[in-house]
Amino acid sequence: MKPPRRAATPHRLKLGALLHRWHRRLGMMAGLFVLWLAGSGIVLNHSADLGLDHAAVSAPWITGLYGLRAVVPEHGYLAGNHWLAGNAEQTVLDGHLLATPLPGLLGLVAGERLLFAADTGSLAIFDARGLPVDNLHGGDLPLAAIARIGAGAGMVVLADARDQRYASRDGLNWAPYAGPVAWAVRAPLPAAARASAALALRPRLPVERVLLDAHSGHILGHYGPYLVDTVGVLFILLAGSGLWMVIRHRWRSG
């Protein structure tokens, strides 16, 4: 014969209702996090197929989480309608990032049909629209190290620390030069150029790294992983309270 069911006391009813209420609330909070973990995990598993390992993000609110800020130069080099500026890692010509930066930037000059930009060890050549043509360094240059760049007689002129000068019209054929030179000098950038440089020089982060850091909580800094740990504790509480309610229900059902 089935034993009689034990009557639930008001205390047990109150405890059961409270447990159900908190179980539901914890489930809603943890459920959103589970959706994020599952979705970001699936995306990360296919990051190469989606091209995320090469894509970059430059939104200030994301790069700001890493403490990254754009370093916008106030000065640069002007040549006709063109301008050149940069920082230690990136170089901008007319608002466009150069694929090969010029970290030790020395100047920008305009020849008859070409633009020339130099740092201490290389010479970048562009057409009249600012599109890259060539990049010379090492044995392609007439000098072991460039100290100055200027323009003279429609040619680009390079000089080293001992003031040895060589000139060329195309960057390929060089000859010693002793004529007058207008050396490139740094000048304040116009406001429009500074605004354009600020956009081009914004820090960039790989999308894959941002997703990994968001998945693990590290994107929130030192305390981010502790937040993930807290959600892990919520899962444990959910599992424990759910198991207790199942056992309690079966016990009350005889």
Protein backbone atom coordinates (compact mmCIF):
# COMPACT_ATOMS: atom_id res chain seq x y z
CA MET A 1 0.00 0.00 0.00
CA LYS A 2 1.34 3.42 -0.97
CA PRO A 3 2.39 5.49 2.07
CA PRO A 4 0.41 8.68 2.62
CA ARG A 5 1.92 11.87 1.24
CA ARG A 6 3.38 14.16 3.81
CA ALA A 7 1.65 17.50 3.98
CA ALA A 8 3.85 20.41 2.98
CA THR A 9 4.41 22.88 5.77
CA PRO A 10 4.16 26.63 5.13
CA HIS A 11 7.89 26.86 5.73
CA ARG A 12 8.63 24.28 3.02
CA LEU A 13 6.19 25.90 0.62
CA LYS A 14 7.86 29.28 1.13
CA LEU A 15 11.34 27.80 0.64
CA GLY A 16 10.26 25.95 -2.50
CA ALA A 17 8.68 29.07 -4.05
CA LEU A 18 11.79 31.11 -3.24
CA LEU A 19 14.05 28.48 -4.80
CA HIS A 20 11.93 28.32 -7.96
CA ARG A 21 12.00 32.10 -8.24
CA TRP A 22 15.79 32.38 -7.93
CA HIS A 23 16.36 29.38 -10.14
CA ARG A 24 14.38 31.10 -12.89
CA ARG A 25 16.23 34.40 -12.44
CA LEU A 26 19.65 32.80 -12.46
CA GLY A 27 18.65 30.79 -15.51
CA MET A 28 17.71 33.92 -17.44
CA MET A 29 20.99 35.66 -16.60
CA ALA A 30 23.14 32.64 -17.31
CA GLY A 31 21.19 31.79 -20.48
CA LEU A 32 22.24 35.03 -22.17
CA PHE A 33 25.87 34.28 -21.38
CA VAL A 34 25.51 30.72 -22.69
CA LEU A 35 24.17 32.10 -25.97
CA TRP A 36 27.20 34.38 -26.24
CA LEU A 37 29.67 31.61 -25.41
CA ALA A 38 28.07 29.22 -27.88
CA GLY A 39 27.82 31.80 -30.69
CA SER A 40 31.33 33.19 -30.27
CA GLY A 41 32.75 29.66 -29.95
CA ILE A 42 31.17 28.60 -33.25
CA VAL A 43 32.50 31.73 -34.99
CA LEU A 44 36.01 31.19 -33.58
CA ASN A 45 36.03 27.59 -34.79
CA HIS A 46 35.56 28.91 -38.34
CA SER A 47 37.52 32.18 -38.07
CA ALA A 48 39.91 31.26 -40.90
CA ASP A 49 37.03 30.38 -43.24
CA LEU A 50 35.31 33.66 -42.38
CA GLY A 51 38.51 35.66 -42.88
CA LEU A 52 38.53 36.91 -39.29
CA ASP A 53 42.21 36.07 -38.85
CA HIS A 54 43.03 38.85 -41.36
CA ALA A 55 40.19 41.29 -40.68
CA ALA A 56 40.73 44.20 -38.29
CA VAL A 57 38.51 46.42 -36.18
CA SER A 58 39.27 50.06 -35.38
CA ALA A 59 36.17 51.21 -33.48
CA PRO A 60 37.38 53.57 -30.72
CA TRP A 61 35.12 51.99 -28.08
CA ILE A 62 36.80 48.61 -28.71
CA THR A 63 40.41 49.78 -29.03
CA GLY A 64 39.82 51.95 -25.97
CA LEU A 65 39.25 48.80 -23.92
CA TYR A 66 42.88 47.89 -24.70
CA GLY A 67 44.11 51.38 -23.83
CA LEU A 68 44.91 52.16 -27.47
CA ARG A 69 44.51 55.69 -28.79
CA ALA A 70 45.40 57.25 -32.12
CA VAL A 71 48.60 59.30 -32.10
CA VAL A 72 47.86 62.11 -34.55
CA PRO A 73 50.89 64.17 -35.64
CA GLU A 74 50.50 67.91 -35.70
CA HIS A 75 53.29 68.33 -38.26
CA GLY A 76 54.08 66.67 -41.55
CA TYR A 77 55.45 67.37 -45.02
CA LEU A 78 53.67 69.25 -47.79
CA ALA A 79 54.41 69.02 -51.53
CA GLY A 80 51.96 70.77 -53.81
CA ASN A 81 48.50 69.40 -53.07
CA HIS A 82 49.92 66.37 -51.27
CA TRP A 83 50.78 65.83 -47.62
CA LEU A 84 52.65 63.15 -45.71
CA ALA A 85 52.59 62.40 -41.98
CA GLY A 86 53.00 59.49 -39.65
CA ASN A 87 54.00 58.10 -36.28
CA ALA A 88 56.45 55.43 -35.20
CA GLU A 89 54.37 52.61 -36.72
CA GLN A 90 52.28 54.03 -39.58
CA THR A 91 52.64 56.54 -42.41
CA VAL A 92 49.83 58.37 -44.20
CA LEU A 93 49.92 59.95 -47.65
CA ASP A 94 46.90 62.10 -48.51
CA GLY A 95 44.81 60.23 -45.93
CA HIS A 96 45.79 56.71 -47.05
CA LEU A 97 47.98 54.36 -45.06
CA LEU A 98 51.15 53.21 -46.78
CA ALA A 99 51.55 49.44 -47.03
CA THR A 100 55.22 49.89 -46.12
CA PRO A 101 55.53 52.54 -43.38
CA LEU A 102 58.39 55.04 -43.21
CA PRO A 103 59.21 55.18 -39.48
CA GLY A 104 62.14 57.59 -39.76
CA LEU A 105 60.26 59.99 -42.00
CA LEU A 106 62.46 62.68 -43.65
CA GLY A 107 60.16 64.37 -46.13
CA LEU A 108 58.04 64.44 -49.26
CA VAL A 109 58.99 66.14 -52.54
CA ALA A 110 57.32 66.41 -55.94
CA GLY A 111 59.23 65.74 -59.14
CA GLU A 112 58.04 66.37 -62.68
CA ARG A 113 55.67 63.37 -62.71
CA LEU A 114 56.36 61.51 -59.48
CA LEU A 115 56.23 61.95 -55.72
CA PHE A 116 59.11 60.84 -53.50
CA ALA A 117 59.01 60.13 -49.77
CA ALA A 118 62.05 59.06 -47.80
CA ASP A 119 63.13 57.78 -44.44
CA THR A 120 66.70 57.06 -43.37
CA GLY A 121 66.89 53.76 -45.25
CA SER A 122 64.34 53.76 -48.07
CA LEU A 123 62.73 55.84 -50.79
CA ALA A 124 59.04 55.38 -51.65
CA ILE A 125 57.90 56.48 -55.12
CA PHE A 126 54.30 57.41 -56.03
CA ASP A 127 52.57 58.66 -59.14
CA ALA A 128 50.88 62.06 -59.37
CA ARG A 129 47.70 60.61 -57.79
CA GLY A 130 49.58 59.31 -54.79
CA LEU A 131 49.43 55.65 -55.84
CA PRO A 132 52.52 53.54 -55.02
CA VAL A 133 54.98 52.88 -57.83
CA ASP A 134 58.09 51.46 -56.16
CA ASN A 135 60.00 51.26 -52.90
CA LEU A 136 63.80 51.46 -53.02
CA HIS A 137 66.24 50.51 -50.29
CA GLY A 138 69.72 49.12 -49.78
CA GLY A 139 71.66 48.73 -53.01
CA ASP A 140 68.91 50.44 -55.03
CA LEU A 141 69.85 53.77 -53.44
CA PRO A 142 72.96 55.84 -54.17
CA LEU A 143 73.60 56.42 -50.45
CA ALA A 144 74.00 53.99 -47.57
CA ALA A 145 71.90 56.24 -45.31
CA ILE A 146 69.69 59.20 -46.21
CA ALA A 147 69.88 62.33 -44.09
CA ARG A 148 67.83 64.76 -46.22
CA ILE A 149 65.51 64.76 -49.20
CA GLY A 150 64.73 67.73 -51.42
CA ALA A 151 63.90 68.88 -54.91
CA GLY A 152 66.15 70.53 -57.48
CA ALA A 153 65.75 71.15 -61.22
CA GLY A 154 62.63 68.97 -61.32
CA MET A 155 64.46 66.04 -59.71
CA VAL A 156 64.51 64.39 -56.32
CA VAL A 157 67.74 64.99 -54.42
CA LEU A 158 69.09 62.80 -51.61
CA ALA A 159 71.93 63.74 -49.27
CA ASP A 160 73.74 61.86 -46.52
CA ALA A 161 75.24 63.15 -43.28
CA ARG A 162 78.40 64.29 -45.13
CA ASP A 163 76.24 66.24 -47.61
CA GLN A 164 76.98 63.98 -50.56
CA ARG A 165 74.15 64.65 -53.00
CA TYR A 166 72.58 62.54 -55.72
CA ALA A 167 69.65 63.42 -57.96
CA SER A 168 67.24 61.45 -60.15
CA ARG A 169 64.10 62.05 -62.18
CA ASP A 170 62.68 58.55 -61.84
CA GLY A 171 64.44 57.07 -58.80
CA LEU A 172 66.30 54.57 -60.99
CA ASN A 173 69.15 56.56 -62.54
CA TRP A 174 71.21 58.60 -60.08
CA ALA A 175 73.97 61.12 -60.62
CA PRO A 176 75.93 63.46 -58.33
CA TYR A 177 74.24 66.83 -57.96
CA ALA A 178 75.64 70.22 -56.96
CA GLY A 179 72.80 72.59 -57.86
CA PRO A 180 70.36 74.44 -55.62
CA VAL A 181 68.00 72.30 -53.51
CA ALA A 182 64.72 73.04 -51.79
CA TRP A 183 64.98 70.67 -48.83
CA ALA A 184 61.85 69.16 -47.36
CA VAL A 185 60.96 70.71 -43.99
CA ARG A 186 58.30 69.78 -41.46
CA ALA A 187 55.33 72.10 -41.36
CA PRO A 188 52.03 72.27 -39.44
CA LEU A 189 49.37 70.12 -41.09
CA PRO A 190 46.13 71.80 -42.20
CA ALA A 191 43.09 70.99 -40.09
CA ALA A 192 41.56 68.86 -42.86
CA ALA A 193 44.77 66.83 -43.17
CA ARG A 194 44.93 66.27 -39.40
CA ALA A 195 41.33 65.06 -39.36
CA SER A 196 42.06 62.68 -42.23
CA ALA A 197 45.22 61.46 -40.51
CA ALA A 198 43.29 60.81 -37.31
CA LEU A 199 40.96 58.46 -39.17
CA ALA A 200 43.77 56.66 -41.00
CA LEU A 201 46.00 56.28 -37.92
CA ARG A 202 43.32 54.79 -35.68
CA PRO A 203 44.66 51.70 -33.89
CA ARG A 204 43.51 48.41 -35.36
CA LEU A 205 43.06 45.02 -33.71
CA PRO A 206 42.54 41.62 -35.34
CA VAL A 207 38.88 40.62 -35.11
CA GLU A 208 39.92 37.11 -34.09
CA ARG A 209 41.84 38.42 -31.08
CA VAL A 210 38.91 40.60 -29.98
CA LEU A 211 36.55 37.62 -30.18
CA LEU A 212 38.97 35.43 -28.21
CA ASP A 213 39.33 38.06 -25.50
CA ALA A 214 35.57 38.61 -25.36
CA HIS A 215 35.00 34.84 -25.19
CA SER A 216 37.39 34.49 -22.24
CA GLY A 217 36.54 37.78 -20.53
CA HIS A 218 40.03 39.27 -20.95
CA ILE A 219 38.60 42.12 -23.04
CA LEU A 220 37.30 43.63 -19.77
CA GLY A 221 40.79 43.77 -18.31
CA HIS A 222 42.04 42.20 -15.11
CA TYR A 223 38.58 41.52 -13.70
CA GLY A 224 37.08 40.08 -16.89
CA PRO A 225 38.07 36.44 -16.18
CA TYR A 226 36.53 36.77 -12.70
CA LEU A 227 33.24 37.70 -14.36
CA VAL A 228 33.44 34.51 -16.42
CA ASP A 229 34.23 32.60 -13.20
CA THR A 230 31.15 34.13 -11.58
CA VAL A 231 28.97 32.91 -14.43
CA GLY A 232 30.54 29.48 -13.98
CA VAL A 233 29.47 29.54 -10.33
CA LEU A 234 25.95 30.47 -11.51
CA PHE A 235 25.91 27.34 -13.68
CA ILE A 236 26.90 25.25 -10.67
CA LEU A 237 24.11 26.83 -8.58
CA LEU A 238 21.61 26.25 -11.38
CA ALA A 239 22.62 22.61 -11.70
CA GLY A 240 22.49 22.10 -7.92
CA SER A 241 19.14 23.84 -7.42
CA GLY A 242 17.60 22.05 -10.40
CA LEU A 243 18.77 18.67 -9.11
CA TRP A 244 17.44 19.47 -5.64
CA MET A 245 14.02 20.45 -7.04
CA VAL A 246 13.78 17.20 -9.04
CA ILE A 247 14.68 15.09 -5.99
CA ARG A 248 12.30 17.10 -3.81
CA HIS A 249 9.48 16.69 -6.31
CA ARG A 250 9.98 12.91 -6.50
CA TRP A 251 10.21 12.68 -2.72
CA ARG A 252 6.97 14.61 -2.29
CA SER A 253 5.32 12.39 -4.92
CA GLY A 254 6.11 9.32 -2.82
